[in-house]
Amino acid sequence: MKSFNSPLLPFAACVLALMVTGCTADEEPSLSGPGSYDEASCTVCVAGVKSCHGAWASTCSEDGKAASPLMCGGSQVCKSGDCKSSTCPSAGFKGCADETTLSACSNGALTEAPCDANEVCAGGACVSAICEEGATSCGHFSLATCSGGSWEVVECAAGETCSETTGVAACGSQKCSPGERTCADKDGDGYLETIQVCNALGTGGDPALTVNCGATQAACFETDLGAFCQCAAPKRTSVEPEEQGGGEESGAEEDLIGEIDIQIGGEDFVQVGGDIPPSEKPDLASAYKNGEEISFDSYASVNFQENPETPGIGTLQLIMAAGQKTLELQIGGVSPDWSGSINADALGEVAGLMGYNDGTASQEEVQGFKWGAGGDYGGNYDFTIDTNEYPDGRITGSFLGLLNIFPGQVGQEQIEFEDGAFDLGW
């Protein structure tokens, strides 16, 4: 498999391993407090890019500091930042096409999948074909109960959902309204920095839609439309932050540079320590994989590996991660300040490679990537680097690709990335 013989492929795997074993989302550093907010560096989205967040479509302003949100109503779904019509009865719908076939809404279209052997479809869920009298199971906003050797399905009442506790399913009040967006103080510092979105069943927050506004020097604010990231000083929660321990503030009083009065949520507070230092612009990268948006917010970096045989020429590598999912773009045969476009049909010394791992294959099974485009993978890709301010500035651009699975791996034969965008610092 061709990968430009780059030693940074193991580097990407090492970075991922460190992220998986060395930190979790709950261990992120506190970024939401008043000392972290800086108007100049604050962003809420990737400049000029359309995106989806659950049922919301938005277009980001050219400075990345505001977005125009639009709720996709009814059965509509958000695709590539626009509300699209859907053939589903409702977003997130699940039902039964027949006794052994599950029907579900996926990216705005109804898809069908057979239940496993010895299973039947009941209420929008595959359940055991052999049931014990009185056994219960949850369907899609419905309760299935075994009676006389077969499953009887009853729809939950309005405002209720089905959930299981200690193996017993029952309809009960929803904990939240599906799609409801609220602000939370995830890091416990007393300020609202996190958007939480109620999942499709109303049983709690959807982790896939949780957003840490503080990671890009923004804060969470609740509006008539729900919670959104905004470039403004964060508001206090109604609950006082937990005591951090350690007693009084350390350091001699004469070492404190001064005090700055800042107005937050109608209250005055004092920031000790003088002027707030400017923060670096955060690295941002996102894309749509098979229609589902991925924000690469765990890690993103740009590197250049020089070829010893051709001084000044080598491989540009853009590495992005979201949890255990890693995506890498490689452009070989270029200088570190190269900009332009490259695709799979191009011929010449400049060549590209696009690789993706989803965390289900180890490096012992895949020497590189589970899916790829370019080189021995085939497939298709298109990369554009719009700006490249090497060595001290930013590198921005876009990408897309149709990736083939590595022979011998189990999973989708092809995956497609669309509307990829990155804005990274060298």
Protein backbone atom coordinates (compact mmCIF):
# COMPACT_ATOMS: atom_id res chain seq x y z
CA MET A 1 0.00 0.00 0.00
CA LYS A 2 1.38 3.38 -0.98
CA SER A 3 1.57 6.11 1.63
CA PHE A 4 4.51 8.17 0.40
CA ASN A 5 6.71 6.11 2.80
CA SER A 6 5.84 8.65 5.47
CA PRO A 7 6.89 7.96 9.08
CA LEU A 8 4.02 10.15 10.25
CA LEU A 9 1.47 7.39 9.68
CA PRO A 10 2.55 5.72 12.95
CA PHE A 11 2.57 9.22 14.47
CA ALA A 12 -1.15 9.61 13.74
CA ALA A 13 -1.84 6.26 15.38
CA CYS A 14 0.22 7.28 18.43
CA VAL A 15 -1.73 10.52 18.76
CA LEU A 16 -4.97 8.58 18.64
CA ALA A 17 -3.74 6.10 21.24
CA LEU A 18 -2.77 8.93 23.57
CA MET A 19 -6.21 10.46 23.19
CA VAL A 20 -8.00 7.20 23.88
CA THR A 21 -5.91 6.22 26.89
CA GLY A 22 -4.78 9.56 28.22
CA CYS A 23 -7.90 11.71 28.32
CA THR A 24 -11.66 11.72 27.89
CA ALA A 25 -14.22 14.36 27.05
CA ASP A 26 -14.89 14.81 30.77
CA GLU A 27 -11.19 15.56 31.40
CA GLU A 28 -10.90 18.45 28.98
CA PRO A 29 -9.32 21.53 30.52
CA SER A 30 -11.66 24.22 31.74
CA LEU A 31 -12.14 26.62 28.86
CA SER A 32 -15.39 28.35 29.70
CA GLY A 33 -14.49 30.67 32.57
CA PRO A 34 -14.36 34.45 32.22
CA GLY A 35 -10.58 34.39 31.97
CA SER A 36 -10.73 32.29 28.78
CA TYR A 37 -13.12 34.47 26.79
CA ASP A 38 -11.49 36.63 24.15
CA GLU A 39 -13.55 38.38 21.46
CA ALA A 40 -10.72 38.41 18.93
CA SER A 41 -10.15 34.65 18.99
CA CYS A 42 -13.75 33.51 19.56
CA THR A 43 -15.40 31.45 16.80
CA VAL A 44 -18.62 29.45 16.76
CA CYS A 45 -18.30 27.68 13.39
CA VAL A 46 -16.04 27.17 10.36
CA ALA A 47 -16.11 30.44 8.40
CA GLY A 48 -18.38 30.37 5.35
CA VAL A 49 -19.32 26.70 5.76
CA LYS A 50 -22.83 25.25 5.82
CA SER A 51 -23.36 22.58 8.46
CA CYS A 52 -25.92 20.45 10.30
CA HIS A 53 -26.39 19.94 14.01
CA GLY A 54 -29.16 17.46 14.58
CA ALA A 55 -32.28 18.89 12.92
CA TRP A 56 -30.71 22.36 12.61
CA ALA A 57 -29.17 23.71 9.42
CA SER A 58 -26.87 26.72 9.58
CA THR A 59 -24.62 28.88 7.45
CA CYS A 60 -21.51 30.29 9.12
CA SER A 61 -20.55 33.93 8.69
CA GLU A 62 -17.32 34.80 6.89
CA ASP A 63 -15.60 35.64 10.18
CA GLY A 64 -16.76 32.45 11.94
CA LYS A 65 -18.38 34.42 14.79
CA ALA A 66 -22.06 33.85 13.99
CA ALA A 67 -24.34 31.36 12.27
CA SER A 68 -27.86 31.67 10.86
CA PRO A 69 -29.75 28.63 12.25
CA LEU A 70 -32.79 27.10 10.57
CA MET A 71 -34.89 24.32 12.10
CA CYS A 72 -35.75 21.56 9.62
CA GLY A 73 -39.40 20.91 10.42
CA GLY A 74 -41.70 17.92 10.08
CA SER A 75 -40.10 14.98 8.33
CA GLN A 76 -37.35 17.13 6.79
CA VAL A 77 -33.72 16.32 7.52
CA CYS A 78 -30.56 18.39 7.39
CA LYS A 79 -28.04 17.43 4.69
CA SER A 80 -24.85 19.36 3.97
CA GLY A 81 -26.20 22.40 5.78
CA ASP A 82 -29.60 22.55 4.04
CA CYS A 83 -33.06 21.26 4.95
CA LYS A 84 -34.02 18.49 2.53
CA SER A 85 -37.33 16.75 1.91
CA SER A 86 -37.69 13.26 3.33
CA THR A 87 -39.67 10.14 2.51
CA CYS A 88 -39.85 9.30 6.24
CA PRO A 89 -43.09 9.75 8.24
CA SER A 90 -40.98 11.65 10.77
CA ALA A 91 -37.31 12.24 11.54
CA GLY A 92 -35.90 9.27 13.46
CA PHE A 93 -38.86 7.06 12.57
CA LYS A 94 -38.61 3.30 13.17
CA GLY A 95 -41.22 0.75 12.22
CA CYS A 96 -41.74 -2.73 10.79
CA ALA A 97 -41.94 -3.38 7.04
CA ASP A 98 -43.13 -6.90 7.84
CA GLU A 99 -42.85 -9.44 10.66
CA THR A 100 -39.09 -9.91 10.25
CA THR A 101 -37.95 -6.64 8.64
CA LEU A 102 -37.07 -3.41 10.43
CA SER A 103 -37.82 -0.12 8.64
CA ALA A 104 -35.94 2.98 9.76
CA CYS A 105 -35.36 6.56 8.64
CA SER A 106 -31.74 7.16 7.59
CA ASN A 107 -30.60 10.46 6.06
CA GLY A 108 -34.14 11.31 4.96
CA ALA A 109 -35.00 7.97 3.37
CA LEU A 110 -36.67 4.81 4.66
CA THR A 111 -34.33 1.85 4.69
CA GLU A 112 -35.11 -1.77 5.43
CA ALA A 113 -32.97 -4.34 7.20
CA PRO A 114 -33.81 -7.93 8.15
CA CYS A 115 -33.86 -8.85 11.82
CA ASP A 116 -31.42 -11.50 12.96
CA ALA A 117 -32.34 -15.18 12.91
CA ASN A 118 -34.81 -16.09 15.65
CA GLU A 119 -36.00 -12.45 15.86
CA VAL A 120 -39.18 -10.68 14.79
CA CYS A 121 -39.99 -7.00 14.35
CA ALA A 122 -42.35 -5.46 16.89
CA GLY A 123 -43.09 -1.76 17.32
CA GLY A 124 -40.01 -0.65 15.40
CA ALA A 125 -37.49 -2.94 17.10
CA CYS A 126 -36.15 -6.45 16.52
CA VAL A 127 -37.01 -8.70 19.49
CA SER A 128 -36.70 -12.40 20.27
CA ALA A 129 -39.17 -14.52 18.33
CA ILE A 130 -39.54 -16.76 21.40
CA CYS A 131 -40.90 -14.74 24.32
CA GLU A 132 -41.81 -15.65 27.86
CA GLU A 133 -45.28 -14.76 29.06
CA GLY A 134 -45.33 -11.24 30.50
CA ALA A 135 -41.91 -10.25 29.13
CA THR A 136 -41.62 -6.63 27.96
CA SER A 137 -39.51 -4.78 25.43
CA CYS A 138 -39.30 -1.22 24.09
CA GLY A 139 -40.15 -0.35 20.52
CA HIS A 140 -40.13 3.11 18.96
CA PHE A 141 -42.28 5.15 21.39
CA SER A 142 -44.13 1.90 22.05
CA LEU A 143 -44.24 -0.98 24.53
CA ALA A 144 -44.22 -4.61 23.41
CA THR A 145 -45.58 -7.20 25.86
CA CYS A 146 -45.44 -10.98 25.38
CA SER A 147 -48.89 -12.50 25.58
CA GLY A 148 -49.84 -16.00 24.49
CA GLY A 149 -46.44 -16.55 22.88
CA SER A 150 -46.50 -13.44 20.69
CA TRP A 151 -45.70 -9.75 21.09
CA GLU A 152 -48.51 -7.24 21.50
CA VAL A 153 -47.55 -3.60 20.84
CA VAL A 154 -49.13 -0.54 22.48
CA GLU A 155 -48.13 3.03 21.57
CA CYS A 156 -46.95 5.23 24.44
CA ALA A 157 -49.12 8.27 25.21
CA ALA A 158 -48.20 11.77 24.01
CA GLY A 159 -45.25 13.10 25.99
CA GLU A 160 -44.17 9.60 26.99
CA THR A 161 -41.38 7.32 25.81
CA CYS A 162 -40.44 3.72 26.48
CA SER A 163 -37.45 2.87 28.65
CA GLU A 164 -36.14 -0.20 30.45
CA THR A 165 -35.17 -0.45 34.12
CA THR A 166 -33.69 -3.68 35.51
CA GLY A 167 -34.94 -5.59 32.50
CA VAL A 168 -38.54 -4.32 32.64
CA ALA A 169 -39.79 -1.99 29.90
CA ALA A 170 -42.53 0.58 30.48
CA CYS A 171 -43.89 3.82 29.05
CA GLY A 172 -43.18 6.87 31.17
CA SER A 173 -42.80 10.63 30.98
CA GLN A 174 -40.01 11.90 28.77
CA LYS A 175 -37.08 13.44 30.64
CA CYS A 176 -36.80 16.11 27.96
CA SER A 177 -38.41 17.07 24.68
CA PRO A 178 -36.65 15.44 21.67
CA GLY A 179 -34.38 17.97 19.99
CA GLU A 180 -34.60 20.44 22.91
CA ARG A 181 -31.39 22.46 23.27
CA THR A 182 -30.24 23.69 26.68
CA CYS A 183 -27.06 25.16 28.21
CA ALA A 184 -25.08 23.33 30.88
CA ASP A 185 -21.94 23.77 32.97
CA LYS A 186 -20.15 20.54 32.11
CA ASP A 187 -16.76 21.46 33.59
CA GLY A 188 -18.20 22.69 36.89
CA ASP A 189 -16.60 26.15 36.87
CA GLY A 190 -19.88 28.01 37.37
CA TYR A 191 -20.31 29.24 33.79
CA LEU A 192 -22.45 27.93 30.94
CA GLU A 193 -20.29 26.62 28.11
CA THR A 194 -21.94 23.40 26.84
CA ILE A 195 -24.90 22.82 24.50
CA GLN A 196 -26.89 19.72 25.42
CA VAL A 197 -29.46 18.32 22.98
CA CYS A 198 -32.23 15.94 24.01
CA ASN A 199 -32.06 12.63 22.12
CA ALA A 200 -34.70 11.40 19.68
CA LEU A 201 -36.51 9.36 22.37
CA GLY A 202 -36.56 12.05 25.06
CA THR A 203 -34.66 9.86 27.54
CA GLY A 204 -31.73 12.26 28.05
CA GLY A 205 -28.96 14.13 26.29
CA ASP A 206 -27.53 12.93 22.98
CA PRO A 207 -23.72 12.70 23.43
CA ALA A 208 -23.17 12.91 19.66
CA LEU A 209 -24.78 16.37 19.62
CA THR A 210 -23.09 17.81 22.72
CA VAL A 211 -21.04 20.92 21.89
CA ASN A 212 -18.35 22.53 24.08
CA CYS A 213 -18.64 26.19 23.06
CA GLY A 214 -15.74 27.02 25.39
CA ALA A 215 -13.35 25.01 23.21
CA THR A 216 -13.47 27.85 20.65
CA GLN A 217 -13.55 30.67 23.23
CA ALA A 218 -17.34 31.04 22.93
CA ALA A 219 -20.13 30.48 25.47
CA CYS A 220 -23.60 28.90 25.53
CA PHE A 221 -26.70 31.10 25.49
CA GLU A 222 -30.36 30.07 25.47
CA THR A 223 -32.60 31.91 23.00
CA ASP A 224 -36.22 31.54 21.91
CA LEU A 225 -34.97 28.95 19.41
CA GLY A 226 -32.90 27.03 21.96
CA ALA A 227 -29.25 26.99 23.04
CA PHE A 228 -26.46 28.14 20.71
CA CYS A 229 -22.79 29.10 20.93
CA GLN A 230 -22.23 32.86 20.86
CA CYS A 231 -19.20 35.12 21.01
CA ALA A 232 -19.97 36.81 24.31
CA ALA A 233 -18.77 36.52 27.90
CA PRO A 234 -20.24 33.39 29.52
CA LYS A 235 -23.15 33.60 31.96
CA ARG A 236 -23.10 32.26 35.49
CA THR A 237 -25.13 29.21 36.37
CA SER A 238 -27.79 29.41 39.05
CA VAL A 239 -25.66 27.06 41.16
CA GLU A 240 -22.38 28.20 42.70
CA PRO A 241 -19.32 26.35 41.35
CA GLU A 242 -17.89 23.63 43.56
CA GLU A 243 -15.10 24.50 45.93
CA GLN A 244 -11.82 23.73 44.22
CA GLY A 245 -9.88 23.29 47.48
CA GLY A 246 -6.49 24.71 48.38
CA GLY A 247 -7.74 27.49 50.67
CA GLU A 248 -6.88 31.08 49.88
CA GLU A 249 -5.32 32.11 46.59
CA SER A 250 -1.59 31.46 46.57
CA GLY A 251 1.05 34.05 45.76
CA ALA A 252 2.04 37.33 47.37
CA GLU A 253 -0.49 40.13 47.04
CA GLU A 254 2.05 42.44 45.43
CA ASP A 255 2.47 39.91 42.61
CA LEU A 256 -1.13 40.45 41.45
CA ILE A 257 -1.10 42.80 38.49
CA GLY A 258 -4.46 44.41 39.08
CA GLU A 259 -8.19 43.97 38.71
CA ILE A 260 -10.53 44.21 35.74
CA ASP A 261 -14.24 44.82 36.28
CA ILE A 262 -16.28 42.76 33.80
CA GLN A 263 -20.07 42.75 33.44
CA ILE A 264 -21.54 39.27 33.04
CA GLY A 265 -25.25 38.51 33.05
CA GLY A 266 -26.02 41.74 34.91
CA GLU A 267 -23.54 41.00 37.68
CA ASP A 268 -20.16 42.53 38.42
CA PHE A 269 -17.25 40.29 39.23
CA VAL A 270 -13.54 40.85 39.54
CA GLN A 271 -10.97 39.12 37.37
CA VAL A 272 -7.67 39.04 39.27
CA GLY A 273 -4.37 39.03 37.42
CA GLY A 274 -4.49 41.92 34.99
CA ASP A 275 -5.20 41.86 31.27
CA ILE A 276 -6.57 38.66 29.79
CA PRO A 277 -3.95 37.31 27.37
CA PRO A 278 -5.11 36.77 23.79
CA SER A 279 -5.85 33.18 22.88
CA GLU A 280 -4.71 31.42 19.76
CA LYS A 281 -7.33 30.70 17.12
CA PRO A 282 -8.55 27.12 17.61
CA ASP A 283 -7.99 24.42 15.02
CA LEU A 284 -11.25 23.52 13.27
CA ALA A 285 -12.09 20.66 10.92
CA SER A 286 -15.35 19.01 9.91
CA ALA A 287 -16.90 16.87 7.16
CA TYR A 288 -19.94 14.79 6.29
CA LYS A 289 -19.40 11.01 6.23
CA ASN A 290 -22.25 9.29 4.40
CA GLY A 291 -24.41 12.34 5.13
CA GLU A 292 -23.62 12.50 8.87
CA GLU A 293 -21.60 15.44 10.12
CA ILE A 294 -18.35 14.77 11.99
CA SER A 295 -16.65 17.59 13.89
CA PHE A 296 -13.01 16.65 14.33
CA ASP A 297 -12.75 18.33 17.74
CA SER A 298 -10.54 15.80 19.55
CA TYR A 299 -7.41 16.62 17.60
CA ALA A 300 -6.40 18.37 14.38
CA SER A 301 -2.92 19.14 13.10
CA VAL A 302 -0.88 19.90 9.99
CA ASN A 303 2.60 18.47 9.50
CA PHE A 304 5.24 18.42 6.78
CA GLN A 305 7.63 15.51 6.29
CA GLU A 306 10.57 16.36 4.04
CA ASN A 307 11.89 13.74 1.64
CA PRO A 308 15.66 13.39 2.35
CA GLU A 309 16.32 12.81 -1.35
CA THR A 310 14.57 16.03 -2.45
CA PRO A 311 15.32 18.86 0.02
CA GLY A 312 12.39 21.25 0.41
CA ILE A 313 9.96 18.74 -1.12
CA GLY A 314 7.95 16.21 0.83
CA THR A 315 4.46 15.35 2.11
CA LEU A 316 1.85 17.63 3.66
CA GLN A 317 -0.26 15.75 6.18
CA LEU A 318 -3.51 16.94 7.73
CA ILE A 319 -4.53 14.70 10.62
CA MET A 320 -7.98 15.00 12.23
CA ALA A 321 -9.68 13.02 14.97
CA ALA A 322 -13.09 12.76 16.62
CA GLY A 323 -12.84 10.30 19.49
CA GLN A 324 -11.53 7.06 17.96
CA LYS A 325 -12.29 8.20 14.41
CA THR A 326 -9.26 9.48 12.50
CA LEU A 327 -8.99 11.00 9.04
CA GLU A 328 -5.77 11.89 7.27
CA LEU A 329 -5.12 13.79 4.04
CA GLN A 330 -1.70 13.45 2.42
CA ILE A 331 -0.34 15.51 -0.47
CA GLY A 332 3.05 14.24 -1.63
CA GLY A 333 5.65 15.85 -3.85
CA VAL A 334 5.05 19.41 -2.66
CA SER A 335 6.80 22.17 -0.71
CA PRO A 336 5.55 23.01 2.79
CA ASP A 337 3.92 26.26 1.57
CA TRP A 338 2.12 24.58 -1.35
CA SER A 339 -1.44 25.62 -2.18
CA GLY A 340 -3.76 24.55 -4.98
CA SER A 341 -5.99 21.61 -5.88
CA ILE A 342 -5.29 17.92 -6.44
CA ASN A 343 -7.62 15.02 -7.30
CA ALA A 344 -7.38 11.32 -8.06
CA ASP A 345 -7.29 11.95 -11.82
CA ALA A 346 -4.22 14.18 -11.64
CA LEU A 347 -0.96 12.92 -13.09
CA GLY A 348 2.54 14.03 -12.27
CA GLU A 349 4.83 14.30 -9.28
CA VAL A 350 2.13 15.67 -6.95
CA ALA A 351 -0.18 12.92 -5.63
CA GLY A 352 -2.69 12.52 -2.85
CA LEU A 353 -3.94 9.92 -0.41
CA MET A 354 -6.98 10.00 1.88
CA GLY A 355 -7.32 7.50 4.72
CA TYR A 356 -9.91 6.85 7.43
CA ASN A 357 -10.15 4.64 10.52
CA ASP A 358 -13.30 4.33 12.64
CA GLY A 359 -11.73 2.60 15.66
CA THR A 360 -12.91 -0.92 14.76
CA ALA A 361 -9.66 -2.18 13.23
CA SER A 362 -6.27 -2.37 14.94
CA GLN A 363 -3.00 -1.49 13.24
CA GLU A 364 -2.16 -5.21 13.30
CA GLU A 365 -5.08 -5.77 10.94
CA VAL A 366 -4.63 -2.66 8.78
CA GLN A 367 -1.19 -1.33 7.89
CA GLY A 368 -2.35 2.24 7.44
CA PHE A 369 -6.08 2.87 7.06
CA LYS A 370 -9.24 0.77 7.03
CA TRP A 371 -10.67 2.86 4.16
CA GLY A 372 -8.70 4.87 1.66
CA ALA A 373 -8.62 6.70 -1.67
CA GLY A 374 -5.56 7.13 -3.86
CA GLY A 375 -2.56 4.85 -4.31
CA ASP A 376 -3.46 1.15 -4.08
CA TYR A 377 -6.88 1.93 -2.62
CA GLY A 378 -8.33 3.33 -5.86
CA GLY A 379 -11.42 5.37 -5.06
CA ASN A 380 -11.55 9.12 -5.57
CA TYR A 381 -10.54 12.28 -3.74
CA ASP A 382 -10.36 16.03 -4.29
CA PHE A 383 -8.28 18.31 -2.02
CA THR A 384 -7.99 22.10 -2.19
CA ILE A 385 -5.67 24.23 -0.07
CA ASP A 386 -6.91 27.81 -0.33
CA THR A 387 -4.36 29.48 1.95
CA ASN A 388 -1.07 28.23 3.36
CA GLU A 389 0.76 30.67 5.61
CA TYR A 390 3.67 28.35 6.38
CA PRO A 391 5.46 28.33 8.81
CA ASP A 392 3.70 30.55 11.39
CA GLY A 393 0.19 31.13 10.05
CA ARG A 394 -2.89 29.15 9.07
CA ILE A 395 -3.67 26.54 6.47
CA THR A 396 -7.26 26.43 5.19
CA GLY A 397 -9.05 24.42 2.55
CA SER A 398 -11.63 21.80 1.65
CA PHE A 399 -11.83 18.14 0.66
CA LEU A 400 -14.09 15.31 -0.43
CA GLY A 401 -13.53 11.66 -1.20
CA LEU A 402 -15.03 8.27 -2.06
CA LEU A 403 -13.01 5.72 -0.07
CA ASN A 404 -12.73 1.95 -0.60
CA ILE A 405 -12.38 -0.52 2.27
CA PHE A 406 -9.03 -2.30 2.66
CA PRO A 407 -9.24 -5.94 1.44
CA GLY A 408 -10.12 -8.38 4.19
CA GLN A 409 -11.84 -5.83 6.43
CA VAL A 410 -15.49 -6.07 7.50
CA GLY A 411 -17.77 -3.10 6.99
CA GLN A 412 -19.17 -0.88 4.29
CA GLU A 413 -17.38 -1.40 0.99
CA GLN A 414 -17.26 2.34 0.36
CA ILE A 415 -17.73 5.47 2.46
CA GLU A 416 -18.13 8.99 1.14
CA PHE A 417 -16.87 12.25 2.60
CA GLU A 418 -18.45 15.51 1.43
CA ASP A 419 -18.14 19.19 2.34
CA GLY A 420 -14.90 18.69 4.28
CA ALA A 421 -13.31 21.88 5.59
CA PHE A 422 -10.27 22.69 7.75
CA ASP A 423 -8.70 25.78 9.31
CA LEU A 424 -5.53 24.77 11.14
CA GLY A 425 -2.51 26.49 12.59
CA TRP A 426 1.04 25.48 11.71
